[in-house]
Amino acid sequence: MPSFPRYAFRFSAAWALALAALIALPALGQFSNSAAAPGTPVHNAKALRPPAGARVAIFEFEDMECPDCARANPLLKEAAAKYGIPWVRHDFPLPFHTWSFDAAVAARWFDTKSKKLGDDFRDAVFANQTSITTQDQMHAFAQKFAEDHKLAFPFVVDPQGKLAAAVKADYDLGQSIGIQHTPTIWIVTNKTSGTPFVEVLDRTRLYELIDLALAETKAEPAAHHASGE
């Protein structure tokens, strides 16, 4: 389980309460490598839908300290760009990872500047994951990333605990769906019949599954709901 950061991100008491609630949740993380895991038993299928206006999307729950998430990241980024489909990324920091929650909160801070910057930060963390081993190193990495983008990373990142609460909300959503490992990846569609999503258990089939989803949704109207509803 993650130790409470001494000073790395200097969050408020609200953050401390959110983290305590996260740690108190039942330990999932039986698998930190999706290749070794069975398919996810989905308990809440309502969340597995594309964003409004999209027929197909990549839907992922990730932990920035997870090595297999780092391996999956370039492929998912490439696929989203190749097909021009949304890549819906959700935080699922595993309780036994020491700095993944900090990284998720930092990414949310960069999201407040622009969603692209937040996603660029996530990609940069995955690309440099092996060089980050402590909460202090995570903080230093985020600070350097901010400086490289002409931003001042704040001394108090999340004074009201709102960013931590958003991370925990993603974690709670993952639990409601039935997440058991990271990364957990689905191709989700706006199909109105049959099963509108398929889990990507073999990433060598990612493009094949996207092709199939796009073919199956040609006659479907654009989705009009928001993702996660």
Protein backbone atom coordinates (compact mmCIF):
# COMPACT_ATOMS: atom_id res chain seq x y z
CA MET A 1 0.00 0.00 0.00
CA PRO A 2 1.23 3.51 -0.69
CA SER A 3 2.84 5.36 2.15
CA PHE A 4 1.53 8.83 2.89
CA PRO A 5 3.75 11.34 1.06
CA ARG A 6 5.99 13.26 3.44
CA TYR A 7 5.96 16.42 1.39
CA ALA A 8 6.14 15.47 -2.27
CA PHE A 9 2.84 16.99 -3.32
CA ARG A 10 1.89 18.74 -0.09
CA PHE A 11 -1.83 18.12 -0.51
CA SER A 12 -4.44 19.43 1.85
CA ALA A 13 -6.33 17.54 4.54
CA ALA A 14 -9.03 16.87 1.94
CA TRP A 15 -6.47 14.99 -0.13
CA ALA A 16 -5.44 12.97 2.92
CA LEU A 17 -9.03 11.92 3.51
CA ALA A 18 -9.47 10.95 -0.14
CA LEU A 19 -6.28 8.88 -0.10
CA ALA A 20 -7.27 7.22 3.17
CA ALA A 21 -10.58 6.24 1.60
CA LEU A 22 -8.78 4.84 -1.43
CA ILE A 23 -6.41 2.75 0.67
CA ALA A 24 -9.32 1.48 2.76
CA LEU A 25 -11.02 0.03 -0.31
CA PRO A 26 -10.64 -3.72 -0.82
CA ALA A 27 -7.32 -4.58 -2.43
CA LEU A 28 -7.86 -5.44 -6.06
CA GLY A 29 -4.65 -5.55 -8.06
CA GLN A 30 -4.57 -9.35 -8.18
CA PHE A 31 -3.00 -8.74 -11.55
CA SER A 32 -0.90 -5.79 -12.59
CA ASN A 33 -0.41 -7.35 -16.00
CA SER A 34 -3.54 -7.79 -18.10
CA ALA A 35 -1.87 -10.49 -20.22
CA ALA A 36 -1.90 -12.76 -17.15
CA ALA A 37 -5.51 -11.98 -16.25
CA PRO A 38 -8.82 -13.46 -17.37
CA GLY A 39 -11.54 -11.33 -18.89
CA THR A 40 -13.14 -8.75 -16.64
CA PRO A 41 -16.60 -9.68 -15.30
CA VAL A 42 -18.53 -6.49 -16.05
CA HIS A 43 -20.96 -5.47 -13.31
CA ASN A 44 -21.78 -1.97 -14.57
CA ALA A 45 -22.04 -1.99 -18.35
CA LYS A 46 -23.68 1.45 -18.52
CA ALA A 47 -20.31 3.14 -18.20
CA LEU A 48 -18.82 1.33 -21.19
CA ARG A 49 -20.02 3.68 -23.91
CA PRO A 50 -18.20 6.13 -26.19
CA PRO A 51 -18.32 9.89 -25.65
CA ALA A 52 -21.17 11.85 -27.20
CA GLY A 53 -20.83 12.05 -30.97
CA ALA A 54 -18.56 9.00 -31.29
CA ARG A 55 -19.44 5.58 -32.68
CA VAL A 56 -16.35 3.82 -31.30
CA ALA A 57 -13.80 4.63 -28.61
CA ILE A 58 -10.90 3.08 -26.75
CA PHE A 59 -11.81 2.90 -23.06
CA GLU A 60 -8.97 2.32 -20.59
CA PHE A 61 -8.34 2.13 -16.85
CA GLU A 62 -4.66 2.78 -16.16
CA ASP A 63 -2.14 3.10 -13.33
CA MET A 64 0.89 5.23 -14.17
CA GLU A 65 3.18 3.04 -12.08
CA CYS A 66 2.02 -0.14 -13.85
CA PRO A 67 4.69 -1.54 -16.24
CA ASP A 68 2.13 -3.17 -18.52
CA CYS A 69 0.25 0.13 -18.78
CA ALA A 70 3.52 1.68 -19.95
CA ARG A 71 3.88 -1.04 -22.58
CA ALA A 72 0.29 -0.52 -23.78
CA ASN A 73 0.45 3.27 -23.86
CA PRO A 74 2.23 3.83 -27.23
CA LEU A 75 -0.03 1.31 -28.98
CA LEU A 76 -3.23 2.91 -27.68
CA LYS A 77 -1.98 6.38 -28.57
CA GLU A 78 -1.09 5.21 -32.07
CA ALA A 79 -4.45 3.47 -32.56
CA ALA A 80 -6.47 6.48 -31.42
CA ALA A 81 -4.56 8.71 -33.84
CA LYS A 82 -4.73 6.25 -36.74
CA TYR A 83 -8.50 5.77 -36.51
CA GLY A 84 -9.38 9.25 -35.24
CA ILE A 85 -11.39 7.81 -32.37
CA PRO A 86 -11.54 8.97 -28.72
CA TRP A 87 -9.23 7.41 -26.16
CA VAL A 88 -11.07 7.63 -22.85
CA ARG A 89 -8.49 7.31 -20.07
CA HIS A 90 -9.51 6.60 -16.47
CA ASP A 91 -7.33 6.56 -13.36
CA PHE A 92 -7.07 3.35 -11.40
CA PRO A 93 -4.05 3.75 -9.08
CA LEU A 94 -3.39 0.41 -7.45
CA PRO A 95 -3.10 0.64 -3.64
CA PHE A 96 0.29 -1.11 -3.52
CA HIS A 97 1.95 1.36 -5.89
CA THR A 98 3.76 4.11 -4.00
CA TRP A 99 3.54 7.07 -6.39
CA SER A 100 0.75 6.29 -8.86
CA PHE A 101 -1.88 8.28 -6.95
CA ASP A 102 0.45 11.31 -6.87
CA ALA A 103 1.00 10.97 -10.61
CA ALA A 104 -2.73 10.81 -11.29
CA VAL A 105 -3.34 13.96 -9.25
CA ALA A 106 -0.48 15.74 -11.03
CA ALA A 107 -1.97 14.72 -14.39
CA ARG A 108 -5.29 16.21 -13.30
CA TRP A 109 -3.49 19.46 -12.50
CA PHE A 110 -2.03 19.54 -16.02
CA ASP A 111 -5.54 18.76 -17.35
CA THR A 112 -6.67 22.07 -15.85
CA LYS A 113 -4.25 23.81 -18.22
CA SER A 114 -5.36 21.73 -21.22
CA LYS A 115 -6.53 18.16 -21.71
CA LYS A 116 -3.76 17.65 -24.25
CA LEU A 117 -1.15 18.76 -21.74
CA GLY A 118 -2.54 16.36 -19.16
CA ASP A 119 -2.40 13.48 -21.61
CA ASP A 120 1.10 14.50 -22.72
CA PHE A 121 2.15 14.33 -19.07
CA ARG A 122 0.66 10.85 -18.72
CA ASP A 123 2.50 9.73 -21.86
CA ALA A 124 5.75 11.24 -20.56
CA VAL A 125 5.40 9.45 -17.23
CA PHE A 126 4.90 6.13 -18.99
CA ALA A 127 7.89 6.78 -21.25
CA ASN A 128 10.08 7.54 -18.21
CA GLN A 129 8.44 5.19 -15.74
CA THR A 130 11.57 3.16 -14.97
CA SER A 131 13.41 6.27 -13.79
CA ILE A 132 10.68 7.15 -11.25
CA THR A 133 10.79 5.06 -8.09
CA THR A 134 9.70 7.37 -5.27
CA GLN A 135 7.12 10.04 -4.55
CA ASP A 136 9.90 12.64 -4.43
CA GLN A 137 11.07 11.62 -7.90
CA MET A 138 7.48 11.83 -9.13
CA HIS A 139 7.24 15.36 -7.80
CA ALA A 140 10.55 16.33 -9.41
CA PHE A 141 9.43 14.85 -12.73
CA ALA A 142 6.14 16.79 -12.65
CA GLN A 143 7.98 19.98 -11.73
CA LYS A 144 10.44 19.54 -14.61
CA PHE A 145 7.61 18.76 -17.04
CA ALA A 146 5.85 21.96 -15.97
CA GLU A 147 9.03 24.01 -16.38
CA ASP A 148 9.56 22.56 -19.87
CA HIS A 149 6.08 23.84 -20.75
CA LYS A 150 6.69 27.25 -19.17
CA LEU A 151 4.46 26.57 -16.18
CA ALA A 152 5.13 26.88 -12.47
CA PHE A 153 4.19 23.68 -10.69
CA PRO A 154 2.52 24.85 -7.45
CA PHE A 155 3.84 24.17 -3.97
CA VAL A 156 0.34 23.04 -3.02
CA VAL A 157 -1.01 21.11 -6.00
CA ASP A 158 -4.51 20.35 -4.81
CA PRO A 159 -5.43 22.68 -1.91
CA GLN A 160 -9.12 21.78 -1.88
CA GLY A 161 -8.72 18.08 -2.65
CA LYS A 162 -10.80 18.35 -5.83
CA LEU A 163 -8.23 16.66 -8.07
CA ALA A 164 -7.75 13.79 -5.63
CA ALA A 165 -11.53 13.41 -5.45
CA ALA A 166 -11.68 13.14 -9.25
CA VAL A 167 -9.03 10.41 -9.21
CA LYS A 168 -10.94 8.54 -6.52
CA ALA A 169 -14.16 8.91 -8.54
CA ASP A 170 -12.44 7.15 -11.44
CA TYR A 171 -11.26 4.43 -9.07
CA ASP A 172 -14.79 4.03 -7.73
CA LEU A 173 -16.13 3.81 -11.28
CA GLY A 174 -13.60 1.10 -12.05
CA GLN A 175 -14.67 -0.83 -8.99
CA SER A 176 -18.33 -0.54 -9.99
CA ILE A 177 -17.47 -1.98 -13.41
CA GLY A 178 -15.39 -4.80 -11.95
CA ILE A 179 -11.79 -3.80 -12.70
CA GLN A 180 -9.28 -6.39 -11.45
CA HIS A 181 -6.07 -5.36 -13.16
CA THR A 182 -4.36 -2.59 -15.08
CA PRO A 183 -4.46 -1.83 -17.83
CA THR A 184 -8.03 -2.88 -18.54
CA ILE A 185 -8.93 -1.88 -22.08
CA TRP A 186 -12.17 -2.13 -24.01
CA ILE A 187 -13.30 -1.11 -27.46
CA VAL A 188 -16.68 0.47 -26.75
CA THR A 189 -19.38 1.30 -29.28
CA ASN A 190 -22.75 3.00 -29.53
CA LYS A 191 -24.44 -0.22 -30.69
CA THR A 192 -28.04 -0.47 -29.56
CA SER A 193 -28.24 -4.25 -29.86
CA GLY A 194 -25.99 -7.07 -28.75
CA THR A 195 -22.94 -6.31 -26.61
CA PRO A 196 -21.67 -2.78 -27.26
CA PHE A 197 -18.14 -3.42 -25.97
CA VAL A 198 -15.32 -5.96 -26.15
CA GLU A 199 -12.35 -6.24 -23.84
CA VAL A 200 -8.91 -6.16 -25.44
CA LEU A 201 -7.23 -9.17 -23.88
CA ASP A 202 -4.75 -9.69 -26.72
CA ARG A 203 -3.33 -6.33 -27.79
CA THR A 204 -2.07 -7.78 -31.06
CA ARG A 205 -5.76 -7.82 -32.05
CA LEU A 206 -6.39 -4.16 -31.14
CA TYR A 207 -6.63 -2.91 -34.73
CA GLU A 208 -8.73 -5.90 -35.75
CA LEU A 209 -11.21 -5.20 -32.94
CA ILE A 210 -11.42 -1.50 -33.86
CA ASP A 211 -12.00 -2.38 -37.52
CA LEU A 212 -14.80 -4.74 -36.51
CA ALA A 213 -16.38 -2.17 -34.19
CA LEU A 214 -16.32 0.51 -36.89
CA ALA A 215 -17.86 -1.89 -39.40
CA GLU A 216 -20.60 -2.93 -36.98
CA THR A 217 -21.58 0.65 -36.14
CA LYS A 218 -21.78 2.10 -39.65
CA ALA A 219 -25.56 2.21 -39.46
CA GLU A 220 -25.72 3.43 -35.86
CA PRO A 221 -26.57 7.06 -35.07
CA ALA A 222 -23.99 9.09 -33.20
CA ALA A 223 -24.05 8.63 -29.44
CA HIS A 224 -25.78 11.45 -27.58
CA HIS A 225 -24.81 10.57 -24.00
CA ALA A 226 -21.70 11.50 -22.07
CA SER A 227 -19.11 8.84 -21.34
CA GLY A 228 -19.42 7.34 -17.88
CA GLU A 229 -23.17 7.88 -17.62
